[in-house]
Amino acid sequence: MYLIGLTGGIASGKSTVARRLYEHGAVHLDADQLARKVVEPGTPALAAIAETFGPEVLRADGSLDRERLGGIVFGDDAARAKLNAIVHPAVRELSGRLIAKAEAENPDAVVVYDVPLLVEANVDHPFDLVVVTDAPKRTQVKRLVEQRGLDPLQAEARVDAQIDREARLKVADVVIDTDGSLGHTMSQADALWSRVTSELAAR
């Protein structure tokens, strides 16, 4: 198995690269989706969240009221750290299981684990390669405004709230520059795929 950790700032082209690798045959795991899964009704993580933040963070149907919880942890570092201490280990455990399952089903699987907070959450799976999608701040802001309908100030705040670009680039084995055309991004993803498959074949 070959495990790629894929990370990048908001609107930096991460999902485009993930999709391209998936089209080539990679198994794609998305940390954001897993983070939603581990707090579904009946999960230990959801019970721990309700215990920590009070029953009012649950909706009448027992599901998590994300907006209410968001209101509590937004701008409160201590509360956010408590939430992360519940969610991150649960995501780590689930992603570990899914990576092992992919390997059991196909020992030559290429698994792309798409983790926006790879640096911040200290995600330390034994990655063969850490890939960072990178675009300058002005491009990220422009994409958030044009593609997600945020106003420019909101967009700028979202970009600024994330870990800085340098910290992310420091952990990169491969940087995919997504500031150019879509074709330019795709061809870098294709080159990455051929590198990975030849490394796998050489093992």
Protein backbone atom coordinates (compact mmCIF):
# COMPACT_ATOMS: atom_id res chain seq x y z
CA MET A 1 0.00 0.00 0.00
CA TYR A 2 1.05 3.57 -0.65
CA LEU A 3 -0.33 6.25 1.66
CA ILE A 4 -0.50 9.88 0.56
CA GLY A 5 -1.39 12.66 3.00
CA LEU A 6 -3.01 15.47 1.01
CA THR A 7 -3.41 18.88 2.59
CA GLY A 8 -3.70 22.52 1.62
CA GLY A 9 -5.42 25.72 2.62
CA ILE A 10 -9.05 26.52 1.94
CA ALA A 11 -9.80 26.90 -1.79
CA SER A 12 -6.27 25.77 -2.70
CA GLY A 13 -7.41 23.09 -5.15
CA LYS A 14 -7.18 20.13 -2.79
CA SER A 15 -10.41 18.48 -3.90
CA THR A 16 -9.46 18.91 -7.56
CA VAL A 17 -6.22 17.00 -6.98
CA ALA A 18 -7.97 14.38 -4.82
CA ARG A 19 -10.57 13.84 -7.54
CA ARG A 20 -7.90 13.44 -10.20
CA LEU A 21 -6.01 10.83 -8.15
CA TYR A 22 -9.30 9.05 -7.48
CA GLU A 23 -9.95 8.96 -11.25
CA HIS A 24 -6.56 7.28 -11.65
CA GLY A 25 -7.65 4.59 -9.17
CA ALA A 26 -6.67 5.86 -5.72
CA VAL A 27 -8.81 5.16 -2.66
CA HIS A 28 -9.95 8.57 -1.39
CA LEU A 29 -10.58 9.22 2.30
CA ASP A 30 -11.84 12.65 3.34
CA ALA A 31 -11.09 13.74 6.92
CA ASP A 32 -14.00 16.21 6.92
CA GLN A 33 -16.45 13.43 6.07
CA LEU A 34 -14.91 11.18 8.73
CA ALA A 35 -15.21 14.01 11.28
CA ARG A 36 -18.96 14.13 10.54
CA LYS A 37 -19.24 10.35 10.77
CA VAL A 38 -17.61 10.05 14.21
CA VAL A 39 -20.19 12.42 15.76
CA GLU A 40 -23.30 10.73 14.36
CA PRO A 41 -26.01 9.83 16.91
CA GLY A 42 -25.01 6.86 19.06
CA THR A 43 -21.26 7.45 18.76
CA PRO A 44 -19.01 7.75 21.84
CA ALA A 45 -17.65 11.06 20.47
CA LEU A 46 -21.13 12.61 20.33
CA ALA A 47 -21.85 11.45 23.88
CA ALA A 48 -18.56 13.02 25.02
CA ILE A 49 -19.42 16.30 23.25
CA ALA A 50 -22.84 16.46 24.95
CA GLU A 51 -21.21 15.73 28.30
CA THR A 52 -18.55 18.41 27.79
CA PHE A 53 -20.66 21.18 26.24
CA GLY A 54 -24.10 20.39 27.63
CA PRO A 55 -27.21 18.73 26.15
CA GLU A 56 -28.18 21.93 24.33
CA VAL A 57 -25.63 21.11 21.59
CA LEU A 58 -27.93 18.23 20.57
CA ARG A 59 -30.98 18.65 18.37
CA ALA A 60 -34.35 17.14 19.33
CA ASP A 61 -33.58 14.11 17.12
CA GLY A 62 -30.33 13.46 18.99
CA SER A 63 -28.04 14.70 16.22
CA LEU A 64 -25.35 17.32 16.73
CA ASP A 65 -26.43 20.95 16.39
CA ARG A 66 -23.33 22.13 14.55
CA GLU A 67 -24.28 25.77 14.53
CA ARG A 68 -24.85 25.87 18.26
CA LEU A 69 -21.61 24.01 18.95
CA GLY A 70 -19.81 26.27 16.48
CA GLY A 71 -21.10 29.29 18.37
CA ILE A 72 -19.61 27.92 21.59
CA VAL A 73 -16.16 27.04 20.25
CA PHE A 74 -15.74 29.89 17.76
CA GLY A 75 -13.19 32.33 19.14
CA ASP A 76 -12.76 30.29 22.35
CA ASP A 77 -9.43 28.46 22.11
CA ALA A 78 -9.95 26.43 25.29
CA ALA A 79 -13.38 25.17 24.16
CA ARG A 80 -12.03 24.37 20.70
CA ALA A 81 -9.13 22.44 22.22
CA LYS A 82 -11.63 20.39 24.25
CA LEU A 83 -13.66 19.64 21.13
CA ASN A 84 -10.55 18.69 19.15
CA ALA A 85 -9.43 16.39 21.96
CA ILE A 86 -12.68 14.45 21.45
CA VAL A 87 -12.98 14.53 17.66
CA HIS A 88 -9.36 14.18 16.45
CA PRO A 89 -8.63 10.85 18.20
CA ALA A 90 -11.96 9.44 16.96
CA VAL A 91 -11.15 10.49 13.39
CA ARG A 92 -7.66 9.07 13.74
CA GLU A 93 -9.04 5.72 14.90
CA LEU A 94 -11.61 5.57 12.08
CA SER A 95 -9.14 6.65 9.38
CA GLY A 96 -6.65 4.06 10.67
CA ARG A 97 -9.31 1.36 10.31
CA LEU A 98 -10.28 2.48 6.80
CA ILE A 99 -6.64 2.64 5.66
CA ALA A 100 -6.07 -0.90 7.02
CA LYS A 101 -9.24 -2.09 5.25
CA ALA A 102 -8.08 -0.61 1.92
CA GLU A 103 -4.74 -2.37 2.32
CA ALA A 104 -6.40 -5.69 3.23
CA GLU A 105 -8.60 -5.47 0.12
CA ASN A 106 -5.69 -4.53 -2.14
CA PRO A 107 -2.08 -4.67 -0.90
CA ASP A 108 -1.11 -2.39 -3.84
CA ALA A 109 -3.75 0.23 -3.06
CA VAL A 110 -2.82 3.90 -3.29
CA VAL A 111 -4.73 5.67 -0.51
CA VAL A 112 -5.13 9.44 -0.61
CA TYR A 113 -6.06 10.77 2.82
CA ASP A 114 -7.36 14.27 2.34
CA VAL A 115 -6.72 16.15 5.62
CA PRO A 116 -7.23 19.93 5.70
CA LEU A 117 -5.77 20.08 9.23
CA LEU A 118 -2.84 17.72 8.67
CA VAL A 119 -0.42 20.17 10.29
CA GLU A 120 -2.73 21.64 12.95
CA ALA A 121 -4.10 18.30 14.16
CA ASN A 122 -0.67 16.60 14.15
CA VAL A 123 -1.97 13.80 11.96
CA ASP A 124 0.83 11.29 12.09
CA HIS A 125 -0.21 8.28 10.02
CA PRO A 126 2.86 6.70 8.39
CA PHE A 127 2.53 8.65 5.15
CA ASP A 128 4.75 7.67 2.25
CA LEU A 129 4.30 11.15 0.84
CA VAL A 130 2.80 14.41 2.06
CA VAL A 131 1.37 16.48 -0.80
CA VAL A 132 0.44 20.13 -0.32
CA THR A 133 -1.75 22.04 -2.77
CA ASP A 134 -0.62 25.63 -2.78
CA ALA A 135 -2.05 28.89 -4.08
CA PRO A 136 -1.35 32.47 -3.01
CA LYS A 137 -3.80 34.14 -0.65
CA ARG A 138 -5.27 36.41 -3.34
CA THR A 139 -6.19 33.33 -5.41
CA GLN A 140 -7.79 31.61 -2.41
CA VAL A 141 -9.83 34.73 -1.60
CA LYS A 142 -10.89 35.14 -5.25
CA ARG A 143 -12.06 31.50 -5.40
CA LEU A 144 -14.01 31.78 -2.15
CA VAL A 145 -15.78 34.87 -3.49
CA GLU A 146 -16.45 33.50 -6.98
CA GLN A 147 -17.13 29.84 -6.25
CA ARG A 148 -18.58 29.87 -2.75
CA GLY A 149 -20.28 33.24 -2.72
CA LEU A 150 -18.48 34.69 0.31
CA ASP A 151 -17.97 38.41 0.50
CA PRO A 152 -14.31 39.47 0.21
CA LEU A 153 -13.92 40.28 3.92
CA GLN A 154 -15.39 36.94 4.98
CA ALA A 155 -13.18 35.17 2.46
CA GLU A 156 -10.08 36.91 3.74
CA ALA A 157 -10.97 36.07 7.35
CA ARG A 158 -11.41 32.38 6.43
CA VAL A 159 -7.98 32.25 4.80
CA ASP A 160 -6.34 34.15 7.67
CA ALA A 161 -7.89 31.83 10.28
CA GLN A 162 -5.89 28.91 8.91
CA ILE A 163 -2.32 27.97 9.67
CA ASP A 164 0.11 30.00 7.58
CA ARG A 165 1.31 28.83 4.22
CA GLU A 166 4.96 28.44 5.32
CA ALA A 167 4.07 25.95 8.09
CA ARG A 168 2.20 23.85 5.57
CA LEU A 169 4.92 23.98 2.93
CA LYS A 170 7.46 22.86 5.55
CA VAL A 171 5.83 19.42 5.83
CA ALA A 172 5.45 18.94 2.07
CA ASP A 173 7.29 16.24 0.14
CA VAL A 174 5.52 17.42 -3.01
CA VAL A 175 3.96 20.83 -3.65
CA ILE A 176 1.29 21.13 -6.33
CA ASP A 177 1.02 24.70 -7.52
CA THR A 178 -2.66 25.37 -8.20
CA ASP A 179 -2.38 29.03 -9.06
CA GLY A 180 -2.36 28.42 -12.82
CA SER A 181 -4.92 26.82 -15.10
CA LEU A 182 -6.91 23.72 -14.21
CA GLY A 183 -4.89 21.83 -16.84
CA HIS A 184 -1.66 22.85 -15.11
CA THR A 185 -2.95 21.47 -11.78
CA MET A 186 -4.16 18.26 -13.47
CA SER A 187 -0.83 17.60 -15.18
CA GLN A 188 0.99 17.92 -11.83
CA ALA A 189 -1.50 15.45 -10.31
CA ASP A 190 -0.88 13.09 -13.24
CA ALA A 191 2.88 13.36 -12.76
CA LEU A 192 2.41 12.60 -9.07
CA TRP A 193 0.37 9.51 -9.95
CA SER A 194 3.06 8.13 -12.26
CA ARG A 195 5.72 8.76 -9.61
CA VAL A 196 3.66 6.90 -7.00
CA THR A 197 2.84 3.93 -9.23
CA SER A 198 6.46 3.52 -10.29
CA GLU A 199 7.59 3.68 -6.64
CA LEU A 200 5.00 1.03 -5.77
CA ALA A 201 6.12 -1.18 -8.64
CA ALA A 202 9.75 -0.86 -7.54
CA ARG A 203 9.02 -2.19 -4.03
